[in-house]
Amino acid sequence: MGGRAAIAEGPHESPTSVHYVNPGAEQLGLAPVVNAKKSRSKPADRPFQIIALVAGACLIAFIIFIAVRPSANDHRTLGIAALKAPPPAVLHAGTVAPAFTLPRLGGGAPVSVTAFRGTPVIISFFASWCPHCRSELAAMGSIARQNAGRVAVVGVDSNDGSGGDAEKLLTAAHATYPVGLDVNAQVASRYLLTALPVTYFVDGRGRVVGSALGAQGTASLERWVARLTAAPS
């Protein structure tokens, strides 16, 4: 009969293949019953499947968050994470302070740190263009005067051109200790400087006792003087 479907026979066809007896049926948009059953979906189940997938993803993310979150009592981990940048490199205590000889600011005999061997030395790296450097010059000058013969103060004017502006600042601060001109910051580089001001404290044997980053006040410098004079020279 026209319009009935029959299962085709022969080695080239699948047992479930369906052919229309009436070839015009396919042209009318009618699909085989077997294929219609296979392609039929359940749209009502899709929202539940999506909700289940989202809930599963949220659960996995929460488990990962709990696993990797640092403990509130782990102060070391929190401290490292809180650092925006690693601390600047410095010469560590016990390191032999690099020797240098520089032209003296204002003229005169060169400034050599080895000339003070046997006496503790405070090496002050600064520049006139550095605002924080200016604030410590008076304290450096005061410490140099109060401890003359016990502790020497040596300034290093780094990356500051001819040093004319630095000389004016030192005069205004009544700082008369010797200052060397480190025009190309070569000495500053040997002391691992990446910023100013930086102060190094060296014992009478020429070894680094410690360092200080940032402007130093009189009280801070006095504590360093006590430490330097207590150390064997």
C-alpha atoms as a PDB file:
ATOM      1  CA  MET A   1       0.000   0.000   0.000  1.00  0.00           C
ATOM      2  CA  GLY A   2       1.029   3.569  -0.649  1.00  0.00           C
ATOM      3  CA  GLY A   3       2.357   5.406   2.400  1.00  0.00           C
ATOM      4  CA  ARG A   4       3.417   2.287   4.340  1.00  0.00           C
ATOM      5  CA  ALA A   5       7.014   1.827   5.417  1.00  0.00           C
ATOM      6  CA  ALA A   6       8.816  -1.458   4.803  1.00  0.00           C
ATOM      7  CA  ILE A   7      12.138  -2.753   6.198  1.00  0.00           C
ATOM      8  CA  ALA A   8      14.569  -3.182   3.329  1.00  0.00           C
ATOM      9  CA  GLU A   9      16.325  -6.474   2.760  1.00  0.00           C
ATOM     10  CA  GLY A  10      19.771  -7.100   1.394  1.00  0.00           C
ATOM     11  CA  PRO A  11      23.371  -7.033   2.521  1.00  0.00           C
ATOM     12  CA  HIS A  12      23.858  -3.302   1.950  1.00  0.00           C
ATOM     13  CA  GLU A  13      21.210  -2.078   4.371  1.00  0.00           C
ATOM     14  CA  SER A  14      20.990  -1.993   8.155  1.00  0.00           C
ATOM     15  CA  PRO A  15      18.168  -4.055   9.657  1.00  0.00           C
ATOM     16  CA  THR A  16      16.755  -0.887  11.187  1.00  0.00           C
ATOM     17  CA  SER A  17      16.886   1.176   7.985  1.00  0.00           C
ATOM     18  CA  VAL A  18      13.494   2.331   6.866  1.00  0.00           C
ATOM     19  CA  HIS A  19      12.438   3.080   3.340  1.00  0.00           C
ATOM     20  CA  TYR A  20       9.188   4.558   2.253  1.00  0.00           C
ATOM     21  CA  VAL A  21       7.195   2.602  -0.214  1.00  0.00           C
ATOM     22  CA  ASN A  22       5.825   5.913  -1.352  1.00  0.00           C
ATOM     23  CA  PRO A  23       8.900   7.992  -2.339  1.00  0.00           C
ATOM     24  CA  GLY A  24       6.903  11.203  -2.066  1.00  0.00           C
ATOM     25  CA  ALA A  25       6.593  10.881   1.716  1.00  0.00           C
ATOM     26  CA  GLU A  26      10.137  12.078   2.362  1.00  0.00           C
ATOM     27  CA  GLN A  27       9.577  15.105   0.185  1.00  0.00           C
ATOM     28  CA  LEU A  28       6.630  16.045   2.450  1.00  0.00           C
ATOM     29  CA  GLY A  29       8.970  16.277   5.430  1.00  0.00           C
ATOM     30  CA  LEU A  30       8.019  13.034   7.091  1.00  0.00           C
ATOM     31  CA  ALA A  31      10.917  11.389   8.957  1.00  0.00           C
ATOM     32  CA  PRO A  32      11.257   7.618   9.496  1.00  0.00           C
ATOM     33  CA  VAL A  33       9.682   6.489  12.727  1.00  0.00           C
ATOM     34  CA  VAL A  34      12.872   4.823  13.934  1.00  0.00           C
ATOM     35  CA  ASN A  35      14.958   7.996  13.478  1.00  0.00           C
ATOM     36  CA  ALA A  36      12.218  10.110  15.012  1.00  0.00           C
ATOM     37  CA  LYS A  37      12.390   8.052  18.175  1.00  0.00           C
ATOM     38  CA  LYS A  38      16.174   8.407  18.363  1.00  0.00           C
ATOM     39  CA  SER A  39      16.225  12.182  17.840  1.00  0.00           C
ATOM     40  CA  ARG A  40      13.413  12.882  20.258  1.00  0.00           C
ATOM     41  CA  SER A  41      14.732  14.871  23.275  1.00  0.00           C
ATOM     42  CA  LYS A  42      13.377  15.870  26.634  1.00  0.00           C
ATOM     43  CA  PRO A  43      13.595  19.676  26.794  1.00  0.00           C
ATOM     44  CA  ALA A  44      12.089  19.713  30.282  1.00  0.00           C
ATOM     45  CA  ASP A  45      15.222  18.006  31.692  1.00  0.00           C
ATOM     46  CA  ARG A  46      17.713  20.588  30.367  1.00  0.00           C
ATOM     47  CA  PRO A  47      17.249  23.269  33.082  1.00  0.00           C
ATOM     48  CA  PHE A  48      17.912  20.677  35.776  1.00  0.00           C
ATOM     49  CA  GLN A  49      21.047  19.475  33.994  1.00  0.00           C
ATOM     50  CA  ILE A  50      22.377  23.053  33.765  1.00  0.00           C
ATOM     51  CA  ILE A  51      21.637  23.690  37.444  1.00  0.00           C
ATOM     52  CA  ALA A  52      23.430  20.469  38.393  1.00  0.00           C
ATOM     53  CA  LEU A  53      26.517  21.416  36.358  1.00  0.00           C
ATOM     54  CA  VAL A  54      26.693  24.903  37.890  1.00  0.00           C
ATOM     55  CA  ALA A  55      26.270  23.529  41.414  1.00  0.00           C
ATOM     56  CA  GLY A  56      29.032  20.990  40.805  1.00  0.00           C
ATOM     57  CA  ALA A  57      31.421  23.635  39.506  1.00  0.00           C
ATOM     58  CA  CYS A  58      30.748  25.870  42.539  1.00  0.00           C
ATOM     59  CA  LEU A  59      31.389  22.962  44.909  1.00  0.00           C
ATOM     60  CA  ILE A  60      34.723  22.134  43.249  1.00  0.00           C
ATOM     61  CA  ALA A  61      35.799  25.789  43.375  1.00  0.00           C
ATOM     62  CA  PHE A  62      34.924  26.014  47.077  1.00  0.00           C
ATOM     63  CA  ILE A  63      36.930  22.870  47.880  1.00  0.00           C
ATOM     64  CA  ILE A  64      39.974  24.235  46.027  1.00  0.00           C
ATOM     65  CA  PHE A  65      39.670  27.587  47.856  1.00  0.00           C
ATOM     66  CA  ILE A  66      39.612  25.870  51.250  1.00  0.00           C
ATOM     67  CA  ALA A  67      42.580  23.682  50.314  1.00  0.00           C
ATOM     68  CA  VAL A  68      44.892  26.503  49.193  1.00  0.00           C
ATOM     69  CA  ARG A  69      43.834  29.235  51.655  1.00  0.00           C
ATOM     70  CA  PRO A  70      46.659  29.989  54.148  1.00  0.00           C
ATOM     71  CA  SER A  71      45.938  29.423  57.796  1.00  0.00           C
ATOM     72  CA  ALA A  72      45.222  32.490  59.920  1.00  0.00           C
ATOM     73  CA  ASN A  73      47.987  31.329  62.279  1.00  0.00           C
ATOM     74  CA  ASP A  74      50.581  31.009  59.514  1.00  0.00           C
ATOM     75  CA  HIS A  75      52.209  34.391  60.041  1.00  0.00           C
ATOM     76  CA  ARG A  76      55.219  33.526  57.916  1.00  0.00           C
ATOM     77  CA  THR A  77      53.095  32.792  54.857  1.00  0.00           C
ATOM     78  CA  LEU A  78      50.983  35.896  55.363  1.00  0.00           C
ATOM     79  CA  GLY A  79      54.075  38.028  55.830  1.00  0.00           C
ATOM     80  CA  ILE A  80      55.639  36.863  52.574  1.00  0.00           C
ATOM     81  CA  ALA A  81      52.402  37.335  50.683  1.00  0.00           C
ATOM     82  CA  ALA A  82      52.047  40.863  52.064  1.00  0.00           C
ATOM     83  CA  LEU A  83      55.360  41.999  50.604  1.00  0.00           C
ATOM     84  CA  LYS A  84      54.803  43.985  47.434  1.00  0.00           C
ATOM     85  CA  ALA A  85      58.456  43.605  46.486  1.00  0.00           C
ATOM     86  CA  PRO A  86      61.471  41.802  47.827  1.00  0.00           C
ATOM     87  CA  PRO A  87      63.670  43.808  50.196  1.00  0.00           C
ATOM     88  CA  PRO A  88      66.633  45.601  48.596  1.00  0.00           C
ATOM     89  CA  ALA A  89      69.938  43.760  48.465  1.00  0.00           C
ATOM     90  CA  VAL A  90      72.628  44.886  50.912  1.00  0.00           C
ATOM     91  CA  LEU A  91      76.105  43.774  51.917  1.00  0.00           C
ATOM     92  CA  HIS A  92      75.608  41.436  54.847  1.00  0.00           C
ATOM     93  CA  ALA A  93      77.315  41.752  58.201  1.00  0.00           C
ATOM     94  CA  GLY A  94      80.830  40.333  58.153  1.00  0.00           C
ATOM     95  CA  THR A  95      81.381  41.184  54.489  1.00  0.00           C
ATOM     96  CA  VAL A  96      84.547  43.110  53.724  1.00  0.00           C
ATOM     97  CA  ALA A  97      83.451  46.620  52.751  1.00  0.00           C
ATOM     98  CA  PRO A  98      84.566  47.395  49.180  1.00  0.00           C
ATOM     99  CA  ALA A  99      87.520  49.782  49.183  1.00  0.00           C
ATOM    100  CA  PHE A 100      87.231  53.019  47.226  1.00  0.00           C
ATOM    101  CA  THR A 101      89.071  56.245  46.564  1.00  0.00           C
ATOM    102  CA  LEU A 102      87.106  59.188  45.183  1.00  0.00           C
ATOM    103  CA  PRO A 103      87.759  62.841  44.312  1.00  0.00           C
ATOM    104  CA  ARG A 104      86.935  65.028  47.297  1.00  0.00           C
ATOM    105  CA  LEU A 105      83.905  67.287  47.037  1.00  0.00           C
ATOM    106  CA  GLY A 106      85.151  70.877  47.049  1.00  0.00           C
ATOM    107  CA  GLY A 107      88.704  69.835  46.123  1.00  0.00           C
ATOM    108  CA  GLY A 108      91.628  68.590  48.156  1.00  0.00           C
ATOM    109  CA  ALA A 109      93.037  65.163  48.868  1.00  0.00           C
ATOM    110  CA  PRO A 110      91.038  62.190  47.549  1.00  0.00           C
ATOM    111  CA  VAL A 111      88.695  60.444  49.934  1.00  0.00           C
ATOM    112  CA  SER A 112      89.782  56.861  50.634  1.00  0.00           C
ATOM    113  CA  VAL A 113      87.869  54.619  53.003  1.00  0.00           C
ATOM    114  CA  THR A 114      90.976  52.514  53.628  1.00  0.00           C
ATOM    115  CA  ALA A 115      92.660  55.578  55.136  1.00  0.00           C
ATOM    116  CA  PHE A 116      90.419  55.082  58.180  1.00  0.00           C
ATOM    117  CA  ARG A 117      91.446  51.474  58.791  1.00  0.00           C
ATOM    118  CA  GLY A 118      91.571  50.898  62.530  1.00  0.00           C
ATOM    119  CA  THR A 119      88.699  53.314  63.134  1.00  0.00           C
ATOM    120  CA  PRO A 120      85.008  52.477  62.698  1.00  0.00           C
ATOM    121  CA  VAL A 121      83.460  54.297  59.736  1.00  0.00           C
ATOM    122  CA  ILE A 122      79.946  55.439  58.908  1.00  0.00           C
ATOM    123  CA  ILE A 123      79.578  55.606  55.120  1.00  0.00           C
ATOM    124  CA  SER A 124      76.700  57.854  54.090  1.00  0.00           C
ATOM    125  CA  PHE A 125      75.460  57.514  50.490  1.00  0.00           C
ATOM    126  CA  PHE A 126      73.389  60.511  49.421  1.00  0.00           C
ATOM    127  CA  ALA A 127      72.666  62.990  46.615  1.00  0.00           C
ATOM    128  CA  SER A 128      71.392  66.554  46.472  1.00  0.00           C
ATOM    129  CA  TRP A 129      68.382  65.536  44.352  1.00  0.00           C
ATOM    130  CA  CYS A 130      67.216  63.112  47.045  1.00  0.00           C
ATOM    131  CA  PRO A 131      64.752  64.855  49.449  1.00  0.00           C
ATOM    132  CA  HIS A 132      65.186  62.276  52.223  1.00  0.00           C
ATOM    133  CA  CYS A 133      68.955  62.580  52.007  1.00  0.00           C
ATOM    134  CA  ARG A 134      68.838  66.273  52.906  1.00  0.00           C
ATOM    135  CA  SER A 135      67.062  65.633  56.194  1.00  0.00           C
ATOM    136  CA  GLU A 136      69.892  63.470  57.586  1.00  0.00           C
ATOM    137  CA  LEU A 137      72.880  65.681  56.715  1.00  0.00           C
ATOM    138  CA  ALA A 138      72.669  67.717  59.933  1.00  0.00           C
ATOM    139  CA  ALA A 139      72.484  64.528  62.030  1.00  0.00           C
ATOM    140  CA  MET A 140      75.509  63.103  60.198  1.00  0.00           C
ATOM    141  CA  GLY A 141      77.448  66.316  60.789  1.00  0.00           C
ATOM    142  CA  SER A 142      76.569  66.321  64.481  1.00  0.00           C
ATOM    143  CA  ILE A 143      77.628  62.695  64.961  1.00  0.00           C
ATOM    144  CA  ALA A 144      80.891  63.336  63.117  1.00  0.00           C
ATOM    145  CA  ARG A 145      81.752  66.258  65.423  1.00  0.00           C
ATOM    146  CA  GLN A 146      80.757  64.492  68.638  1.00  0.00           C
ATOM    147  CA  ASN A 147      82.731  61.343  67.852  1.00  0.00           C
ATOM    148  CA  ALA A 148      85.829  62.757  66.188  1.00  0.00           C
ATOM    149  CA  GLY A 149      88.722  60.355  66.708  1.00  0.00           C
ATOM    150  CA  ARG A 150      86.386  57.506  67.738  1.00  0.00           C
ATOM    151  CA  VAL A 151      84.188  57.061  64.677  1.00  0.00           C
ATOM    152  CA  ALA A 152      84.715  58.585  61.232  1.00  0.00           C
ATOM    153  CA  VAL A 153      81.923  59.721  58.925  1.00  0.00           C
ATOM    154  CA  VAL A 154      82.516  59.565  55.171  1.00  0.00           C
ATOM    155  CA  GLY A 155      79.978  60.841  52.673  1.00  0.00           C
ATOM    156  CA  VAL A 156      79.560  59.520  49.129  1.00  0.00           C
ATOM    157  CA  ASP A 157      77.719  61.887  46.772  1.00  0.00           C
ATOM    158  CA  SER A 158      76.380  59.453  44.160  1.00  0.00           C
ATOM    159  CA  ASN A 159      75.167  60.171  40.640  1.00  0.00           C
ATOM    160  CA  ASP A 160      75.004  63.885  41.367  1.00  0.00           C
ATOM    161  CA  GLY A 161      77.041  65.605  38.660  1.00  0.00           C
ATOM    162  CA  SER A 162      79.780  67.952  39.818  1.00  0.00           C
ATOM    163  CA  GLY A 163      78.419  68.043  43.365  1.00  0.00           C
ATOM    164  CA  GLY A 164      77.862  71.797  43.531  1.00  0.00           C
ATOM    165  CA  ASP A 165      74.357  71.470  44.954  1.00  0.00           C
ATOM    166  CA  ALA A 166      75.494  68.831  47.438  1.00  0.00           C
ATOM    167  CA  GLU A 167      78.265  71.124  48.675  1.00  0.00           C
ATOM    168  CA  LYS A 168      75.730  73.866  49.375  1.00  0.00           C
ATOM    169  CA  LEU A 169      73.497  71.480  51.307  1.00  0.00           C
ATOM    170  CA  LEU A 170      76.401  70.213  53.401  1.00  0.00           C
ATOM    171  CA  THR A 171      77.465  73.760  54.221  1.00  0.00           C
ATOM    172  CA  ALA A 172      73.926  74.677  55.291  1.00  0.00           C
ATOM    173  CA  ALA A 173      73.793  71.569  57.508  1.00  0.00           C
ATOM    174  CA  HIS A 174      77.196  72.390  59.080  1.00  0.00           C
ATOM    175  CA  ALA A 175      78.457  68.996  57.915  1.00  0.00           C
ATOM    176  CA  THR A 176      82.225  69.144  57.517  1.00  0.00           C
ATOM    177  CA  TYR A 177      83.121  65.450  57.216  1.00  0.00           C
ATOM    178  CA  PRO A 178      84.910  64.333  54.008  1.00  0.00           C
ATOM    179  CA  VAL A 179      82.697  63.589  51.007  1.00  0.00           C
ATOM    180  CA  GLY A 180      83.746  61.769  47.852  1.00  0.00           C
ATOM    181  CA  LEU A 181      82.228  62.350  44.395  1.00  0.00           C
ATOM    182  CA  ASP A 182      80.816  59.124  42.972  1.00  0.00           C
ATOM    183  CA  VAL A 183      79.777  60.713  39.671  1.00  0.00           C
ATOM    184  CA  ASN A 184      78.772  57.521  37.840  1.00  0.00           C
ATOM    185  CA  ALA A 185      77.556  55.692  40.969  1.00  0.00           C
ATOM    186  CA  GLN A 186      80.229  53.029  40.543  1.00  0.00           C
ATOM    187  CA  VAL A 187      80.942  52.844  44.265  1.00  0.00           C
ATOM    188  CA  ALA A 188      77.215  52.848  45.025  1.00  0.00           C
ATOM    189  CA  SER A 189      76.818  49.849  42.705  1.00  0.00           C
ATOM    190  CA  ARG A 190      79.583  47.968  44.501  1.00  0.00           C
ATOM    191  CA  TYR A 191      77.672  48.515  47.729  1.00  0.00           C
ATOM    192  CA  LEU A 192      74.512  47.140  46.000  1.00  0.00           C
ATOM    193  CA  LEU A 193      72.580  50.401  46.211  1.00  0.00           C
ATOM    194  CA  THR A 194      69.344  50.745  44.269  1.00  0.00           C
ATOM    195  CA  ALA A 195      67.994  53.791  46.128  1.00  0.00           C
ATOM    196  CA  LEU A 196      69.106  56.633  48.412  1.00  0.00           C
ATOM    197  CA  PRO A 197      69.827  57.349  51.181  1.00  0.00           C
ATOM    198  CA  VAL A 198      71.673  54.287  52.456  1.00  0.00           C
ATOM    199  CA  THR A 199      74.160  54.173  55.342  1.00  0.00           C
ATOM    200  CA  TYR A 200      76.738  51.463  55.970  1.00  0.00           C
ATOM    201  CA  PHE A 201      78.438  50.903  59.307  1.00  0.00           C
ATOM    202  CA  VAL A 202      81.939  49.431  59.076  1.00  0.00           C
ATOM    203  CA  ASP A 203      84.181  48.329  61.928  1.00  0.00           C
ATOM    204  CA  GLY A 204      87.866  49.125  62.315  1.00  0.00           C
ATOM    205  CA  ARG A 205      88.831  45.945  60.459  1.00  0.00           C
ATOM    206  CA  GLY A 206      86.952  47.090  57.376  1.00  0.00           C
ATOM    207  CA  ARG A 207      84.044  44.664  57.740  1.00  0.00           C
ATOM    208  CA  VAL A 208      80.375  45.554  57.483  1.00  0.00           C
ATOM    209  CA  VAL A 209      78.573  45.605  60.830  1.00  0.00           C
ATOM    210  CA  GLY A 210      75.200  46.606  59.383  1.00  0.00           C
ATOM    211  CA  SER A 211      73.317  48.951  57.103  1.00  0.00           C
ATOM    212  CA  ALA A 212      70.337  51.273  57.271  1.00  0.00           C
ATOM    213  CA  LEU A 213      67.940  52.205  54.490  1.00  0.00           C
ATOM    214  CA  GLY A 214      66.356  55.642  54.539  1.00  0.00           C
ATOM    215  CA  ALA A 215      67.161  58.849  56.373  1.00  0.00           C
ATOM    216  CA  GLN A 216      68.862  58.421  59.766  1.00  0.00           C
ATOM    217  CA  GLY A 217      68.246  60.661  62.761  1.00  0.00           C
ATOM    218  CA  THR A 218      70.623  61.485  65.604  1.00  0.00           C
ATOM    219  CA  ALA A 219      69.177  58.872  67.970  1.00  0.00           C
ATOM    220  CA  SER A 220      69.555  56.092  65.414  1.00  0.00           C
ATOM    221  CA  LEU A 221      73.116  57.098  64.584  1.00  0.00           C
ATOM    222  CA  GLU A 222      74.049  57.243  68.275  1.00  0.00           C
ATOM    223  CA  ARG A 223      72.900  53.642  68.717  1.00  0.00           C
ATOM    224  CA  TRP A 224      75.064  52.627  65.777  1.00  0.00           C
ATOM    225  CA  VAL A 225      78.037  54.516  67.218  1.00  0.00           C
ATOM    226  CA  ALA A 226      77.636  52.600  70.497  1.00  0.00           C
ATOM    227  CA  ARG A 227      77.565  49.346  68.584  1.00  0.00           C
ATOM    228  CA  LEU A 228      80.617  50.242  66.479  1.00  0.00           C
ATOM    229  CA  THR A 229      82.708  51.333  69.438  1.00  0.00           C
ATOM    230  CA  ALA A 230      81.786  48.213  71.392  1.00  0.00           C
ATOM    231  CA  ALA A 231      82.941  45.950  68.576  1.00  0.00           C
ATOM    232  CA  PRO A 232      86.641  44.931  68.477  1.00  0.00           C
ATOM    233  CA  SER A 233      88.678  47.000  66.001  1.00  0.00           C
END
